[in-house]
PDB file of N, CA and C in Angstrom:
ATOM      1  N   UNK A   1     -28.074 -47.363 -15.659  1.00  0.00           N
ATOM      2  CA  UNK A   1     -28.546 -47.995 -16.872  1.00  0.00           C
ATOM      3  C   UNK A   1     -29.047 -49.380 -16.487  1.00  0.00           C
ATOM      4  N   UNK A   2     -30.273 -49.689 -16.838  1.00  0.00           N
ATOM      5  CA  UNK A   2     -30.866 -50.982 -16.457  1.00  0.00           C
ATOM      6  C   UNK A   2     -30.531 -52.100 -17.439  1.00  0.00           C
ATOM      7  N   UNK A   3     -29.305 -52.557 -17.456  1.00  0.00           N
ATOM      8  CA  UNK A   3     -28.934 -53.627 -18.373  1.00  0.00           C
ATOM      9  C   UNK A   3     -27.588 -53.352 -19.000  1.00  0.00           C
ATOM     10  N   UNK A   4     -27.330 -54.019 -20.116  1.00  0.00           N
ATOM     11  CA  UNK A   4     -26.056 -53.894 -20.820  1.00  0.00           C
ATOM     12  C   UNK A   4     -26.268 -53.077 -22.090  1.00  0.00           C
ATOM     13  N   UNK A   5     -25.455 -52.051 -22.271  1.00  0.00           N
ATOM     14  CA  UNK A   5     -25.502 -51.260 -23.489  1.00  0.00           C
ATOM     15  C   UNK A   5     -24.597 -51.936 -24.511  1.00  0.00           C
ATOM     16  N   UNK A   6     -25.170 -52.405 -25.615  1.00  0.00           N
ATOM     17  CA  UNK A   6     -24.419 -53.086 -26.667  1.00  0.00           C
ATOM     18  C   UNK A   6     -24.230 -52.133 -27.843  1.00  0.00           C
ATOM     19  N   UNK A   7     -23.019 -52.089 -28.377  1.00  0.00           N
ATOM     20  CA  UNK A   7     -22.691 -51.274 -29.535  1.00  0.00           C
ATOM     21  C   UNK A   7     -22.319 -52.197 -30.685  1.00  0.00           C
ATOM     22  N   UNK A   8     -22.796 -51.865 -31.886  1.00  0.00           N
ATOM     23  CA  UNK A   8     -22.554 -52.695 -33.069  1.00  0.00           C
ATOM     24  C   UNK A   8     -22.117 -51.795 -34.211  1.00  0.00           C
ATOM     25  N   UNK A   9     -21.005 -52.163 -34.870  1.00  0.00           N
ATOM     26  CA  UNK A   9     -20.544 -51.481 -36.080  1.00  0.00           C
ATOM     27  C   UNK A   9     -20.784 -52.447 -37.229  1.00  0.00           C
ATOM     28  N   UNK A  10     -21.509 -51.978 -38.253  1.00  0.00           N
ATOM     29  CA  UNK A  10     -21.853 -52.853 -39.365  1.00  0.00           C
ATOM     30  C   UNK A  10     -21.725 -52.126 -40.690  1.00  0.00           C
ATOM     31  N   UNK A  11     -21.649 -52.910 -41.756  1.00  0.00           N
ATOM     32  CA  UNK A  11     -21.598 -52.346 -43.107  1.00  0.00           C
ATOM     33  C   UNK A  11     -22.986 -51.871 -43.495  1.00  0.00           C
ATOM     34  N   UNK A  12     -23.067 -51.175 -44.624  1.00  0.00           N
ATOM     35  CA  UNK A  12     -24.360 -50.706 -45.130  1.00  0.00           C
ATOM     36  C   UNK A  12     -25.296 -51.884 -45.422  1.00  0.00           C
ATOM     37  N   UNK A  13     -24.715 -53.037 -45.725  1.00  0.00           N
ATOM     38  CA  UNK A  13     -25.513 -54.236 -46.024  1.00  0.00           C
ATOM     39  C   UNK A  13     -25.951 -54.974 -44.761  1.00  0.00           C
ATOM     40  N   UNK A  14     -25.467 -54.552 -43.604  1.00  0.00           N
ATOM     41  CA  UNK A  14     -25.874 -55.172 -42.346  1.00  0.00           C
ATOM     42  C   UNK A  14     -24.918 -56.219 -41.811  1.00  0.00           C
ATOM     43  N   UNK A  15     -23.745 -56.383 -42.426  1.00  0.00           N
ATOM     44  CA  UNK A  15     -22.761 -57.362 -41.943  1.00  0.00           C
ATOM     45  C   UNK A  15     -22.034 -56.763 -40.742  1.00  0.00           C
ATOM     46  N   UNK A  16     -22.057 -57.463 -39.615  1.00  0.00           N
ATOM     47  CA  UNK A  16     -21.437 -56.975 -38.383  1.00  0.00           C
ATOM     48  C   UNK A  16     -19.921 -57.098 -38.486  1.00  0.00           C
ATOM     49  N   UNK A  17     -19.219 -55.984 -38.247  1.00  0.00           N
ATOM     50  CA  UNK A  17     -17.755 -55.963 -38.258  1.00  0.00           C
ATOM     51  C   UNK A  17     -17.180 -56.003 -36.849  1.00  0.00           C
ATOM     52  N   UNK A  18     -17.873 -55.396 -35.908  1.00  0.00           N
ATOM     53  CA  UNK A  18     -17.415 -55.365 -34.520  1.00  0.00           C
ATOM     54  C   UNK A  18     -18.609 -55.108 -33.613  1.00  0.00           C
ATOM     55  N   UNK A  19     -18.560 -55.653 -32.414  1.00  0.00           N
ATOM     56  CA  UNK A  19     -19.622 -55.398 -31.440  1.00  0.00           C
ATOM     57  C   UNK A  19     -19.070 -55.635 -30.041  1.00  0.00           C
ATOM     58  N   UNK A  20     -19.740 -55.087 -29.076  1.00  0.00           N
ATOM     59  CA  UNK A  20     -19.330 -55.260 -27.692  1.00  0.00           C
ATOM     60  C   UNK A  20     -20.320 -54.575 -26.769  1.00  0.00           C
ATOM     61  N   UNK A  21     -20.158 -54.803 -25.491  1.00  0.00           N
ATOM     62  CA  UNK A  21     -21.076 -54.227 -24.517  1.00  0.00           C
ATOM     63  C   UNK A  21     -20.340 -53.595 -23.358  1.00  0.00           C
ATOM     64  N   UNK A  22     -20.956 -52.596 -22.765  1.00  0.00           N
ATOM     65  CA  UNK A  22     -20.407 -51.971 -21.570  1.00  0.00           C
ATOM     66  C   UNK A  22     -20.860 -52.759 -20.353  1.00  0.00           C
ATOM     67  N   UNK A  23     -20.119 -52.642 -19.281  1.00  0.00           N
ATOM     68  CA  UNK A  23     -20.483 -53.327 -18.048  1.00  0.00           C
ATOM     69  C   UNK A  23     -21.902 -52.922 -17.637  1.00  0.00           C
ATOM     70  N   UNK A  24     -22.676 -53.859 -17.064  1.00  0.00           N
ATOM     71  CA  UNK A  24     -24.028 -53.496 -16.617  1.00  0.00           C
ATOM     72  C   UNK A  24     -23.987 -52.287 -15.684  1.00  0.00           C
ATOM     73  N   UNK A  25     -24.918 -51.369 -15.895  1.00  0.00           N
ATOM     74  CA  UNK A  25     -24.996 -50.174 -15.063  1.00  0.00           C
ATOM     75  C   UNK A  25     -24.265 -48.971 -15.616  1.00  0.00           C
ATOM     76  N   UNK A  26     -23.461 -49.156 -16.677  1.00  0.00           N
ATOM     77  CA  UNK A  26     -22.718 -48.055 -17.283  1.00  0.00           C
ATOM     78  C   UNK A  26     -23.344 -47.681 -18.607  1.00  0.00           C
ATOM     79  N   UNK A  27     -23.261 -46.434 -19.060  1.00  0.00           N
ATOM     80  CA  UNK A  27     -22.607 -45.314 -18.394  1.00  0.00           C
ATOM     81  C   UNK A  27     -23.452 -44.786 -17.240  1.00  0.00           C
ATOM     82  N   UNK A  28     -22.794 -44.185 -16.278  1.00  0.00           N
ATOM     83  CA  UNK A  28     -23.486 -43.589 -15.140  1.00  0.00           C
ATOM     84  C   UNK A  28     -24.070 -42.250 -15.555  1.00  0.00           C
ATOM     85  N   UNK A  29     -25.192 -41.843 -14.949  1.00  0.00           N
ATOM     86  CA  UNK A  29     -25.786 -40.547 -15.293  1.00  0.00           C
ATOM     87  C   UNK A  29     -24.787 -39.411 -15.111  1.00  0.00           C
ATOM     88  N   UNK A  30     -24.686 -38.556 -16.129  1.00  0.00           N
ATOM     89  CA  UNK A  30     -23.814 -37.402 -16.069  1.00  0.00           C
ATOM     90  C   UNK A  30     -22.340 -37.721 -16.245  1.00  0.00           C
ATOM     91  N   UNK A  31     -22.011 -38.955 -16.564  1.00  0.00           N
ATOM     92  CA  UNK A  31     -20.615 -39.378 -16.727  1.00  0.00           C
ATOM     93  C   UNK A  31     -20.400 -39.864 -18.154  1.00  0.00           C
ATOM     94  N   UNK A  32     -19.155 -40.000 -18.540  1.00  0.00           N
ATOM     95  CA  UNK A  32     -18.798 -40.485 -19.870  1.00  0.00           C
ATOM     96  C   UNK A  32     -18.098 -41.822 -19.734  1.00  0.00           C
ATOM     97  N   UNK A  33     -18.390 -42.731 -20.630  1.00  0.00           N
ATOM     98  CA  UNK A  33     -17.724 -44.038 -20.659  1.00  0.00           C
ATOM     99  C   UNK A  33     -17.259 -44.270 -22.090  1.00  0.00           C
ATOM    100  N   UNK A  34     -15.980 -44.478 -22.282  1.00  0.00           N
ATOM    101  CA  UNK A  34     -15.463 -44.708 -23.620  1.00  0.00           C
ATOM    102  C   UNK A  34     -15.501 -46.194 -23.941  1.00  0.00           C
ATOM    103  N   UNK A  35     -15.722 -46.474 -25.214  1.00  0.00           N
ATOM    104  CA  UNK A  35     -15.718 -47.855 -25.692  1.00  0.00           C
ATOM    105  C   UNK A  35     -14.853 -47.921 -26.936  1.00  0.00           C
ATOM    106  N   UNK A  36     -14.213 -49.054 -27.143  1.00  0.00           N
ATOM    107  CA  UNK A  36     -13.356 -49.238 -28.313  1.00  0.00           C
ATOM    108  C   UNK A  36     -13.803 -50.499 -29.035  1.00  0.00           C
ATOM    109  N   UNK A  37     -14.062 -50.353 -30.334  1.00  0.00           N
ATOM    110  CA  UNK A  37     -14.481 -51.480 -31.164  1.00  0.00           C
ATOM    111  C   UNK A  37     -13.507 -51.601 -32.331  1.00  0.00           C
ATOM    112  N   UNK A  38     -12.460 -52.410 -32.188  1.00  0.00           N
ATOM    113  CA  UNK A  38     -11.483 -52.557 -33.276  1.00  0.00           C
ATOM    114  C   UNK A  38     -12.128 -53.150 -34.534  1.00  0.00           C
ATOM    115  N   UNK A  39     -11.823 -52.548 -35.674  1.00  0.00           N
ATOM    116  CA  UNK A  39     -12.335 -53.032 -36.955  1.00  0.00           C
ATOM    117  C   UNK A  39     -11.337 -54.010 -37.566  1.00  0.00           C
ATOM    118  N   UNK A  40     -11.820 -54.886 -38.448  1.00  0.00           N
ATOM    119  CA  UNK A  40     -10.894 -55.793 -39.139  1.00  0.00           C
ATOM    120  C   UNK A  40      -9.858 -54.998 -39.929  1.00  0.00           C
ATOM    121  N   UNK A  41      -8.673 -55.584 -40.102  1.00  0.00           N
ATOM    122  CA  UNK A  41      -7.598 -54.918 -40.844  1.00  0.00           C
ATOM    123  C   UNK A  41      -8.081 -54.524 -42.234  1.00  0.00           C
ATOM    124  N   UNK A  42      -7.784 -53.300 -42.619  1.00  0.00           N
ATOM    125  CA  UNK A  42      -8.137 -52.808 -43.948  1.00  0.00           C
ATOM    126  C   UNK A  42      -9.552 -52.275 -44.078  1.00  0.00           C
ATOM    127  N   UNK A  43     -10.354 -52.355 -43.032  1.00  0.00           N
ATOM    128  CA  UNK A  43     -11.738 -51.860 -43.098  1.00  0.00           C
ATOM    129  C   UNK A  43     -11.749 -50.335 -43.067  1.00  0.00           C
ATOM    130  N   UNK A  44     -12.471 -49.725 -43.971  1.00  0.00           N
ATOM    131  CA  UNK A  44     -12.650 -48.271 -43.996  1.00  0.00           C
ATOM    132  C   UNK A  44     -13.808 -47.922 -43.067  1.00  0.00           C
ATOM    133  N   UNK A  45     -13.609 -46.968 -42.184  1.00  0.00           N
ATOM    134  CA  UNK A  45     -14.645 -46.626 -41.222  1.00  0.00           C
ATOM    135  C   UNK A  45     -15.744 -45.740 -41.817  1.00  0.00           C
ATOM    136  N   UNK A  46     -15.393 -44.934 -42.826  1.00  0.00           N
ATOM    137  CA  UNK A  46     -16.387 -44.024 -43.395  1.00  0.00           C
ATOM    138  C   UNK A  46     -17.501 -44.802 -44.073  1.00  0.00           C
ATOM    139  N   UNK A  47     -18.730 -44.451 -43.747  1.00  0.00           N
ATOM    140  CA  UNK A  47     -19.886 -45.103 -44.337  1.00  0.00           C
ATOM    141  C   UNK A  47     -20.417 -46.273 -43.524  1.00  0.00           C
ATOM    142  N   UNK A  48     -19.672 -46.700 -42.507  1.00  0.00           N
ATOM    143  CA  UNK A  48     -20.177 -47.771 -41.656  1.00  0.00           C
ATOM    144  C   UNK A  48     -21.306 -47.234 -40.782  1.00  0.00           C
ATOM    145  N   UNK A  49     -22.073 -48.149 -40.216  1.00  0.00           N
ATOM    146  CA  UNK A  49     -23.186 -47.771 -39.336  1.00  0.00           C
ATOM    147  C   UNK A  49     -22.864 -48.165 -37.898  1.00  0.00           C
ATOM    148  N   UNK A  50     -23.238 -47.309 -36.974  1.00  0.00           N
ATOM    149  CA  UNK A  50     -23.100 -47.592 -35.555  1.00  0.00           C
ATOM    150  C   UNK A  50     -24.501 -47.610 -34.969  1.00  0.00           C
ATOM    151  N   UNK A  51     -24.806 -48.708 -34.301  1.00  0.00           N
ATOM    152  CA  UNK A  51     -26.110 -48.760 -33.635  1.00  0.00           C
ATOM    153  C   UNK A  51     -25.912 -49.246 -32.209  1.00  0.00           C
ATOM    154  N   UNK A  52     -26.878 -48.947 -31.382  1.00  0.00           N
ATOM    155  CA  UNK A  52     -26.816 -49.327 -29.976  1.00  0.00           C
ATOM    156  C   UNK A  52     -28.104 -50.042 -29.591  1.00  0.00           C
ATOM    157  N   UNK A  53     -27.956 -50.996 -28.704  1.00  0.00           N
ATOM    158  CA  UNK A  53     -29.099 -51.752 -28.187  1.00  0.00           C
ATOM    159  C   UNK A  53     -28.924 -51.881 -26.679  1.00  0.00           C
ATOM    160  N   UNK A  54     -30.025 -51.894 -25.973  1.00  0.00           N
ATOM    161  CA  UNK A  54     -30.009 -52.103 -24.539  1.00  0.00           C
ATOM    162  C   UNK A  54     -30.536 -53.510 -24.277  1.00  0.00           C
ATOM    163  N   UNK A  55     -29.709 -54.340 -23.646  1.00  0.00           N
ATOM    164  CA  UNK A  55     -30.116 -55.713 -23.334  1.00  0.00           C
ATOM    165  C   UNK A  55     -30.587 -55.767 -21.884  1.00  0.00           C
ATOM    166  N   UNK A  56     -31.867 -56.079 -21.719  1.00  0.00           N
ATOM    167  CA  UNK A  56     -32.470 -56.178 -20.389  1.00  0.00           C
ATOM    168  C   UNK A  56     -33.176 -57.521 -20.300  1.00  0.00           C
ATOM    169  N   UNK A  57     -32.742 -58.355 -19.366  1.00  0.00           N
ATOM    170  CA  UNK A  57     -33.343 -59.675 -19.136  1.00  0.00           C
ATOM    171  C   UNK A  57     -33.432 -60.484 -20.427  1.00  0.00           C
ATOM    172  N   UNK A  58     -32.374 -60.440 -21.240  1.00  0.00           N
ATOM    173  CA  UNK A  58     -32.313 -61.228 -22.465  1.00  0.00           C
ATOM    174  C   UNK A  58     -33.012 -60.624 -23.668  1.00  0.00           C
ATOM    175  N   UNK A  59     -33.716 -59.526 -23.497  1.00  0.00           N
ATOM    176  CA  UNK A  59     -34.418 -58.874 -24.613  1.00  0.00           C
ATOM    177  C   UNK A  59     -33.620 -57.653 -25.067  1.00  0.00           C
ATOM    178  N   UNK A  60     -33.515 -57.464 -26.387  1.00  0.00           N
ATOM    179  CA  UNK A  60     -32.802 -56.315 -26.950  1.00  0.00           C
ATOM    180  C   UNK A  60     -33.776 -55.202 -27.319  1.00  0.00           C
ATOM    181  N   UNK A  61     -33.427 -53.984 -26.926  1.00  0.00           N
ATOM    182  CA  UNK A  61     -34.245 -52.805 -27.222  1.00  0.00           C
ATOM    183  C   UNK A  61     -33.366 -51.797 -27.955  1.00  0.00           C
ATOM    184  N   UNK A  62     -33.810 -51.286 -29.120  1.00  0.00           N
ATOM    185  CA  UNK A  62     -32.988 -50.313 -29.851  1.00  0.00           C
ATOM    186  C   UNK A  62     -32.829 -49.017 -29.059  1.00  0.00           C
ATOM    187  N   UNK A  63     -31.672 -48.396 -29.208  1.00  0.00           N
ATOM    188  CA  UNK A  63     -31.380 -47.118 -28.555  1.00  0.00           C
ATOM    189  C   UNK A  63     -31.242 -46.069 -29.647  1.00  0.00           C
ATOM    190  N   UNK A  64     -31.884 -44.936 -29.466  1.00  0.00           N
ATOM    191  CA  UNK A  64     -31.769 -43.833 -30.425  1.00  0.00           C
ATOM    192  C   UNK A  64     -30.702 -42.873 -29.939  1.00  0.00           C
ATOM    193  N   UNK A  65     -29.847 -42.437 -30.872  1.00  0.00           N
ATOM    194  CA  UNK A  65     -28.782 -41.506 -30.543  1.00  0.00           C
ATOM    195  C   UNK A  65     -29.362 -40.112 -30.319  1.00  0.00           C
ATOM    196  N   UNK A  66     -28.850 -39.414 -29.334  1.00  0.00           N
ATOM    197  CA  UNK A  66     -29.212 -38.015 -29.094  1.00  0.00           C
ATOM    198  C   UNK A  66     -28.018 -37.186 -29.549  1.00  0.00           C
ATOM    199  N   UNK A  67     -28.029 -36.796 -30.816  1.00  0.00           N
ATOM    200  CA  UNK A  67     -26.884 -36.080 -31.373  1.00  0.00           C
ATOM    201  C   UNK A  67     -27.359 -35.098 -32.430  1.00  0.00           C
ATOM    202  N   UNK A  68     -26.456 -34.237 -32.832  1.00  0.00           N
ATOM    203  CA  UNK A  68     -26.780 -33.230 -33.838  1.00  0.00           C
ATOM    204  C   UNK A  68     -26.942 -33.842 -35.220  1.00  0.00           C
ATOM    205  N   UNK A  69     -26.141 -34.879 -35.508  1.00  0.00           N
ATOM    206  CA  UNK A  69     -26.196 -35.546 -36.808  1.00  0.00           C
ATOM    207  C   UNK A  69     -27.526 -36.288 -36.965  1.00  0.00           C
ATOM    208  N   UNK A  70     -28.081 -36.232 -38.156  1.00  0.00           N
ATOM    209  CA  UNK A  70     -29.328 -36.950 -38.419  1.00  0.00           C
ATOM    210  C   UNK A  70     -29.083 -38.459 -38.335  1.00  0.00           C
ATOM    211  N   UNK A  71     -30.017 -39.170 -37.720  1.00  0.00           N
ATOM    212  CA  UNK A  71     -29.917 -40.624 -37.635  1.00  0.00           C
ATOM    213  C   UNK A  71     -30.777 -41.248 -38.722  1.00  0.00           C
ATOM    214  N   UNK A  72     -30.545 -42.513 -38.990  1.00  0.00           N
ATOM    215  CA  UNK A  72     -31.321 -43.218 -39.998  1.00  0.00           C
ATOM    216  C   UNK A  72     -32.667 -43.636 -39.416  1.00  0.00           C
ATOM    217  N   UNK A  73     -33.556 -44.125 -40.262  1.00  0.00           N
ATOM    218  CA  UNK A  73     -34.918 -44.464 -39.844  1.00  0.00           C
ATOM    219  C   UNK A  73     -34.944 -45.455 -38.682  1.00  0.00           C
ATOM    220  N   UNK A  74     -33.994 -46.393 -38.657  1.00  0.00           N
ATOM    221  CA  UNK A  74     -33.980 -47.388 -37.586  1.00  0.00           C
ATOM    222  C   UNK A  74     -33.183 -46.936 -36.364  1.00  0.00           C
ATOM    223  N   UNK A  75     -32.717 -45.695 -36.355  1.00  0.00           N
ATOM    224  CA  UNK A  75     -31.989 -45.162 -35.216  1.00  0.00           C
ATOM    225  C   UNK A  75     -30.484 -45.308 -35.328  1.00  0.00           C
ATOM    226  N   UNK A  76     -29.985 -45.964 -36.380  1.00  0.00           N
ATOM    227  CA  UNK A  76     -28.549 -46.134 -36.570  1.00  0.00           C
ATOM    228  C   UNK A  76     -27.887 -44.821 -36.957  1.00  0.00           C
ATOM    229  N   UNK A  77     -26.588 -44.754 -36.736  1.00  0.00           N
ATOM    230  CA  UNK A  77     -25.820 -43.555 -37.026  1.00  0.00           C
ATOM    231  C   UNK A  77     -24.782 -43.900 -38.085  1.00  0.00           C
ATOM    232  N   UNK A  78     -24.813 -43.204 -39.217  1.00  0.00           N
ATOM    233  CA  UNK A  78     -23.855 -43.423 -40.301  1.00  0.00           C
ATOM    234  C   UNK A  78     -22.571 -42.687 -39.953  1.00  0.00           C
ATOM    235  N   UNK A  79     -21.434 -43.371 -39.985  1.00  0.00           N
ATOM    236  CA  UNK A  79     -20.157 -42.756 -39.636  1.00  0.00           C
ATOM    237  C   UNK A  79     -19.617 -41.968 -40.818  1.00  0.00           C
ATOM    238  N   UNK A  80     -19.257 -40.717 -40.567  1.00  0.00           N
ATOM    239  CA  UNK A  80     -18.717 -39.847 -41.608  1.00  0.00           C
ATOM    240  C   UNK A  80     -17.785 -38.842 -40.959  1.00  0.00           C
ATOM    241  N   UNK A  81     -16.848 -38.302 -41.741  1.00  0.00           N
ATOM    242  CA  UNK A  81     -15.918 -37.330 -41.162  1.00  0.00           C
ATOM    243  C   UNK A  81     -16.640 -36.047 -40.749  1.00  0.00           C
ATOM    244  N   UNK A  82     -16.115 -35.403 -39.719  1.00  0.00           N
ATOM    245  CA  UNK A  82     -16.676 -34.128 -39.276  1.00  0.00           C
ATOM    246  C   UNK A  82     -15.944 -33.008 -39.993  1.00  0.00           C
ATOM    247  N   UNK A  83     -16.656 -31.949 -40.299  1.00  0.00           N
ATOM    248  CA  UNK A  83     -16.035 -30.796 -40.946  1.00  0.00           C
ATOM    249  C   UNK A  83     -14.975 -30.195 -40.038  1.00  0.00           C
ATOM    250  N   UNK A  84     -13.831 -29.856 -40.637  1.00  0.00           N
ATOM    251  CA  UNK A  84     -12.776 -29.213 -39.879  1.00  0.00           C
ATOM    252  C   UNK A  84     -11.863 -30.150 -39.112  1.00  0.00           C
ATOM    253  N   UNK A  85     -12.135 -31.465 -39.154  1.00  0.00           N
ATOM    254  CA  UNK A  85     -11.291 -32.438 -38.460  1.00  0.00           C
ATOM    255  C   UNK A  85     -10.752 -33.404 -39.496  1.00  0.00           C
ATOM    256  N   UNK A  86      -9.431 -33.492 -39.587  1.00  0.00           N
ATOM    257  CA  UNK A  86      -8.834 -34.406 -40.571  1.00  0.00           C
ATOM    258  C   UNK A  86      -8.872 -35.831 -40.028  1.00  0.00           C
ATOM    259  N   UNK A  87      -9.008 -36.796 -40.941  1.00  0.00           N
ATOM    260  CA  UNK A  87      -9.096 -38.192 -40.508  1.00  0.00           C
ATOM    261  C   UNK A  87      -7.795 -38.910 -40.626  1.00  0.00           C
TER     262      UNK A  87
END
């Protein structure tokens, strides 16, 4: 990965609740890297948005999720429970 992968959890209104970045160069191709973004006490996770950005030489580039769930127009992913899995 050419840069730092930044993850941001925000409300529907765009207020950032948590953010962080993976070490430069991660995740490695074909490997998995877990990240943890603690939310403020009492924050409900359902309905929040998760977005990713790639920071290269000080410039931020949006990252689009490659997943089965539909993403929003700006590439963000709305967090919602999965069928068959209790929360």
